[in-house]
Amino acid sequence: MPSREERLATRRRGRPPGPTRDRSERRAELLDAAIAAIRSQGADASMVDIATEAGITKPILYSHFGDKAGLVAAMAERVVVDLNTHLLAALGSGTTPRNRTFATIGAFVDFVEREPELYRFLVRGVAQPGTSVQPDLVDRIGNQIAMVLAAALRQAGSDSGPAELWAHAIIGAVFFGAELWLVRPVVTREQLVEDLTCLLWDGLGSTGVADVDTDAVQAQIDGLPLRSSQPARS
């Protein structure tokens, strides 16, 4: 029969811990569940809705993302990586700079059309009425475009200072134009993209961007990661 000391030692040791799941893997699964909840319940899905979809309690969801802002940021990061794949394919599909612009705008419109509720959830972000919080998705994509635009302006011998402002203006025109089109589809998808291309291309034409060597521009930005800092002014 075990002595009292042996019984106490066994009690202190307890049951050996089981295998622990990789936290990043679990986080990815929770992001999948969050996206599924937004697709099924709409852009107004709450943290409770998302936790229910994932089959967990809300505190567990908070333990992985901190708060709703953290969830929005993590989701935006995933969407931007996926969207970048489509944008790079679009940039390589055109034979002229204008055709590349058309294809790139088309990739943005396709995202809004393909994921309308997810788009609305991310663009609305966590901003409250009366605040000026920049939605993380818009910020990430805007800064990515700003890097490309700044490189193109420098290649054209123009001032690259307005690149960040223009990039975010482009995002606003394309995303909100596409959202209006979802509600009121009075033209075809192709006509929408053409109209937006005309608006943006005519505006950029005076900067000399239309005539730059796109390979030289690509050489400037190759290997650059997603950034949140302001593009350098020439």
Protein backbone atom coordinates (compact mmCIF):
# COMPACT_ATOMS: atom_id res chain seq x y z
CA MET A 1 0.00 0.00 0.00
CA PRO A 2 1.46 3.44 -0.96
CA SER A 3 2.61 5.60 1.90
CA ARG A 4 0.99 8.96 2.66
CA GLU A 5 3.97 10.78 1.11
CA GLU A 6 3.67 8.76 -2.12
CA ARG A 7 -0.07 9.46 -2.36
CA LEU A 8 0.53 13.21 -1.91
CA ALA A 9 3.28 13.22 -4.53
CA THR A 10 0.96 11.48 -7.02
CA ARG A 11 -1.81 13.98 -6.27
CA ARG A 12 0.55 16.92 -6.84
CA ARG A 13 1.75 15.53 -10.15
CA GLY A 14 -1.81 15.06 -11.39
CA ARG A 15 -2.71 13.77 -14.83
CA PRO A 16 -0.04 14.23 -17.50
CA PRO A 17 -1.00 17.06 -19.84
CA GLY A 18 -2.35 16.06 -23.24
CA PRO A 19 -0.95 17.34 -26.51
CA THR A 20 -1.45 21.09 -26.97
CA ARG A 21 -2.64 22.54 -30.25
CA ASP A 22 -0.54 25.03 -32.14
CA ARG A 23 -1.88 28.50 -31.31
CA SER A 24 -1.37 29.85 -34.83
CA GLU A 25 -3.30 26.89 -36.25
CA ARG A 26 -6.15 27.53 -33.84
CA ARG A 27 -6.08 31.24 -34.68
CA ALA A 28 -6.39 30.41 -38.39
CA GLU A 29 -9.39 28.17 -37.65
CA LEU A 30 -11.04 30.97 -35.69
CA LEU A 31 -10.50 33.35 -38.60
CA ASP A 32 -12.17 30.81 -40.89
CA ALA A 33 -15.11 30.65 -38.49
CA ALA A 34 -15.30 34.45 -38.27
CA ILE A 35 -15.41 34.79 -42.05
CA ALA A 36 -18.08 32.06 -42.26
CA ALA A 37 -20.19 33.88 -39.64
CA ILE A 38 -19.94 37.18 -41.51
CA ARG A 39 -20.85 35.53 -44.81
CA SER A 40 -23.92 33.87 -43.30
CA GLN A 41 -25.08 36.58 -40.87
CA GLY A 42 -23.89 39.73 -42.57
CA ALA A 43 -21.50 42.57 -41.79
CA ASP A 44 -23.23 43.23 -38.46
CA ALA A 45 -22.18 39.87 -37.01
CA SER A 46 -21.15 40.33 -33.38
CA MET A 47 -18.33 38.71 -31.44
CA VAL A 48 -20.99 36.48 -29.86
CA ASP A 49 -22.16 35.39 -33.33
CA ILE A 50 -18.59 34.65 -34.38
CA ALA A 51 -17.80 32.73 -31.18
CA THR A 52 -20.98 30.68 -31.64
CA GLU A 53 -20.00 29.88 -35.24
CA ALA A 54 -16.59 28.72 -33.99
CA GLY A 55 -18.15 26.63 -31.22
CA ILE A 56 -16.29 28.47 -28.47
CA THR A 57 -17.01 31.03 -25.79
CA LYS A 58 -16.46 34.73 -26.35
CA PRO A 59 -13.58 34.92 -23.81
CA ILE A 60 -11.63 32.35 -25.85
CA LEU A 61 -12.12 34.45 -28.98
CA TYR A 62 -10.88 37.52 -27.10
CA SER A 63 -7.87 35.58 -25.84
CA HIS A 64 -6.72 35.05 -29.43
CA PHE A 65 -7.46 38.51 -30.88
CA GLY A 66 -7.68 40.86 -27.90
CA ASP A 67 -10.87 42.60 -29.02
CA LYS A 68 -12.96 43.21 -32.12
CA ALA A 69 -10.36 45.62 -33.48
CA GLY A 70 -7.76 42.86 -33.25
CA LEU A 71 -10.05 40.46 -35.09
CA VAL A 72 -10.69 43.03 -37.83
CA ALA A 73 -6.94 43.64 -38.21
CA ALA A 74 -6.16 39.91 -38.44
CA MET A 75 -8.94 39.39 -40.96
CA ALA A 76 -7.80 42.38 -43.03
CA GLU A 77 -4.26 40.98 -43.12
CA ARG A 78 -5.53 37.70 -44.54
CA VAL A 79 -7.76 39.42 -47.10
CA VAL A 80 -4.94 41.71 -48.26
CA VAL A 81 -2.63 38.74 -48.83
CA ASP A 82 -5.32 37.04 -50.92
CA LEU A 83 -6.22 40.24 -52.76
CA ASN A 84 -2.57 40.92 -53.55
CA THR A 85 -2.44 37.60 -55.41
CA HIS A 86 -5.30 38.74 -57.65
CA LEU A 87 -3.79 42.22 -58.06
CA LEU A 88 -0.40 40.87 -59.11
CA ALA A 89 -2.10 38.62 -61.65
CA ALA A 90 -4.07 41.62 -62.94
CA LEU A 91 -0.94 43.78 -63.21
CA GLY A 92 0.71 41.12 -65.34
CA SER A 93 -2.29 40.55 -67.59
CA GLY A 94 -2.40 43.82 -69.54
CA THR A 95 -0.33 44.73 -72.59
CA THR A 96 -0.45 48.48 -71.90
CA PRO A 97 -0.41 50.53 -68.68
CA ARG A 98 -4.07 51.47 -69.20
CA ASN A 99 -5.05 47.83 -69.68
CA ARG A 100 -3.18 46.96 -66.48
CA THR A 101 -5.07 49.71 -64.68
CA PHE A 102 -8.36 48.33 -66.02
CA ALA A 103 -7.45 44.81 -64.87
CA THR A 104 -6.35 46.03 -61.43
CA ILE A 105 -9.57 47.97 -60.85
CA GLY A 106 -11.44 44.89 -62.04
CA ALA A 107 -9.70 42.80 -59.36
CA PHE A 108 -10.91 45.22 -56.66
CA VAL A 109 -14.45 45.20 -58.03
CA ASP A 110 -14.41 41.41 -58.17
CA PHE A 111 -13.48 41.25 -54.48
CA VAL A 112 -16.37 43.54 -53.48
CA GLU A 113 -18.75 41.52 -55.67
CA ARG A 114 -17.43 38.17 -54.40
CA GLU A 115 -17.36 39.08 -50.69
CA PRO A 116 -19.86 41.93 -50.14
CA GLU A 117 -20.52 41.26 -46.44
CA LEU A 118 -16.86 40.65 -45.62
CA TYR A 119 -15.94 43.85 -47.47
CA ARG A 120 -18.53 45.86 -45.51
CA PHE A 121 -17.41 44.33 -42.20
CA LEU A 122 -13.77 45.23 -42.83
CA VAL A 123 -14.36 48.70 -44.25
CA ARG A 124 -16.70 49.62 -41.41
CA GLY A 125 -14.07 48.27 -39.05
CA VAL A 126 -14.58 49.32 -35.45
CA ALA A 127 -14.95 53.04 -35.98
CA GLN A 128 -17.69 54.70 -33.97
CA PRO A 129 -19.75 57.67 -35.21
CA GLY A 130 -17.77 60.88 -34.94
CA THR A 131 -14.35 59.19 -35.03
CA SER A 132 -11.76 59.16 -37.80
CA VAL A 133 -10.41 55.63 -37.39
CA GLN A 134 -9.10 54.38 -40.74
CA PRO A 135 -10.42 50.89 -41.55
CA ASP A 136 -7.47 48.50 -41.48
CA LEU A 137 -8.28 46.97 -44.87
CA VAL A 138 -8.33 50.38 -46.57
CA ASP A 139 -5.14 51.42 -44.78
CA ARG A 140 -3.22 48.29 -45.79
CA ILE A 141 -4.29 48.31 -49.43
CA GLY A 142 -3.93 52.08 -49.70
CA ASN A 143 -0.34 51.97 -48.46
CA GLN A 144 0.47 49.13 -50.83
CA ILE A 145 -0.86 51.13 -53.79
CA ALA A 146 0.95 54.22 -52.51
CA MET A 147 4.29 52.39 -52.76
CA VAL A 148 3.60 51.43 -56.37
CA LEU A 149 2.32 54.89 -57.27
CA ALA A 150 5.27 56.63 -55.58
CA ALA A 151 7.69 54.45 -57.54
CA ALA A 152 5.86 55.23 -60.80
CA LEU A 153 5.89 58.97 -60.09
CA ARG A 154 9.61 58.93 -59.32
CA GLN A 155 10.25 56.97 -62.51
CA ALA A 156 8.28 59.64 -64.42
CA GLY A 157 10.35 62.40 -62.82
CA SER A 158 7.35 63.74 -60.90
CA ASP A 159 6.91 64.59 -57.23
CA SER A 160 5.97 61.41 -55.35
CA GLY A 161 4.63 63.33 -52.36
CA PRO A 162 0.93 63.01 -53.27
CA ALA A 163 1.21 59.22 -53.70
CA GLU A 164 -0.33 58.34 -50.33
CA LEU A 165 -3.24 60.78 -50.72
CA TRP A 166 -3.95 59.69 -54.29
CA ALA A 167 -3.69 55.99 -53.41
CA HIS A 168 -6.34 56.28 -50.70
CA ALA A 169 -8.50 58.41 -52.99
CA ILE A 170 -8.27 55.66 -55.61
CA ILE A 171 -9.30 53.03 -53.06
CA GLY A 172 -12.26 55.17 -52.01
CA ALA A 173 -13.40 55.72 -55.60
CA VAL A 174 -13.14 52.04 -56.52
CA PHE A 175 -14.49 50.44 -53.34
CA PHE A 176 -17.39 52.80 -52.76
CA GLY A 177 -18.19 52.95 -56.45
CA ALA A 178 -18.33 49.16 -56.46
CA GLU A 179 -20.50 49.11 -53.34
CA LEU A 180 -22.96 51.53 -54.95
CA TRP A 181 -22.99 49.27 -58.01
CA LEU A 182 -23.91 46.28 -55.82
CA VAL A 183 -26.96 48.17 -54.56
CA ARG A 184 -27.85 49.79 -57.89
CA PRO A 185 -26.40 47.72 -60.75
CA VAL A 186 -27.51 50.07 -63.52
CA VAL A 187 -24.48 49.20 -65.70
CA THR A 188 -22.59 46.00 -66.39
CA ARG A 189 -19.53 45.04 -64.38
CA GLU A 190 -17.34 45.77 -67.43
CA GLN A 191 -18.85 49.24 -67.86
CA LEU A 192 -18.33 50.01 -64.17
CA VAL A 193 -14.64 49.10 -64.43
CA GLU A 194 -14.28 51.12 -67.64
CA ASP A 195 -15.92 54.18 -66.07
CA LEU A 196 -13.64 54.00 -63.03
CA THR A 197 -10.60 53.46 -65.26
CA CYS A 198 -11.47 56.56 -67.30
CA LEU A 199 -11.83 58.64 -64.14
CA LEU A 200 -8.52 57.54 -62.64
CA TRP A 201 -6.49 57.22 -65.83
CA ASP A 202 -7.36 60.71 -67.06
CA GLY A 203 -6.38 62.12 -63.69
CA LEU A 204 -3.02 60.33 -63.57
CA GLY A 205 -2.23 60.97 -67.22
CA SER A 206 -0.96 64.49 -66.54
CA THR A 207 1.68 63.18 -64.11
CA GLY A 208 3.56 61.19 -66.75
CA VAL A 209 2.77 57.88 -65.02
CA ALA A 210 1.13 56.57 -68.19
CA ASP A 211 4.46 56.65 -70.04
CA VAL A 212 6.78 55.09 -67.46
CA ASP A 213 8.66 51.84 -67.93
CA THR A 214 6.59 49.42 -65.85
CA ASP A 215 9.54 47.02 -65.52
CA ALA A 216 11.59 49.81 -63.94
CA VAL A 217 8.75 50.57 -61.54
CA GLN A 218 8.48 46.89 -60.63
CA ALA A 219 12.22 46.78 -59.98
CA GLN A 220 11.79 49.53 -57.38
CA ILE A 221 9.10 47.73 -55.42
CA ASP A 222 10.12 44.06 -55.79
CA GLY A 223 10.55 42.39 -52.45
CA LEU A 224 8.97 45.20 -50.44
CA PRO A 225 6.62 43.91 -47.70
CA LEU A 226 3.25 45.39 -46.82
CA ARG A 227 3.91 48.63 -44.98
CA SER A 228 1.93 51.02 -42.84
CA SER A 229 4.42 53.88 -43.01
CA GLN A 230 4.13 56.86 -45.32
CA PRO A 231 5.91 56.50 -48.68
CA ALA A 232 9.10 58.52 -48.95
CA ARG A 233 8.75 61.85 -50.72
CA SER A 234 11.20 62.49 -53.53
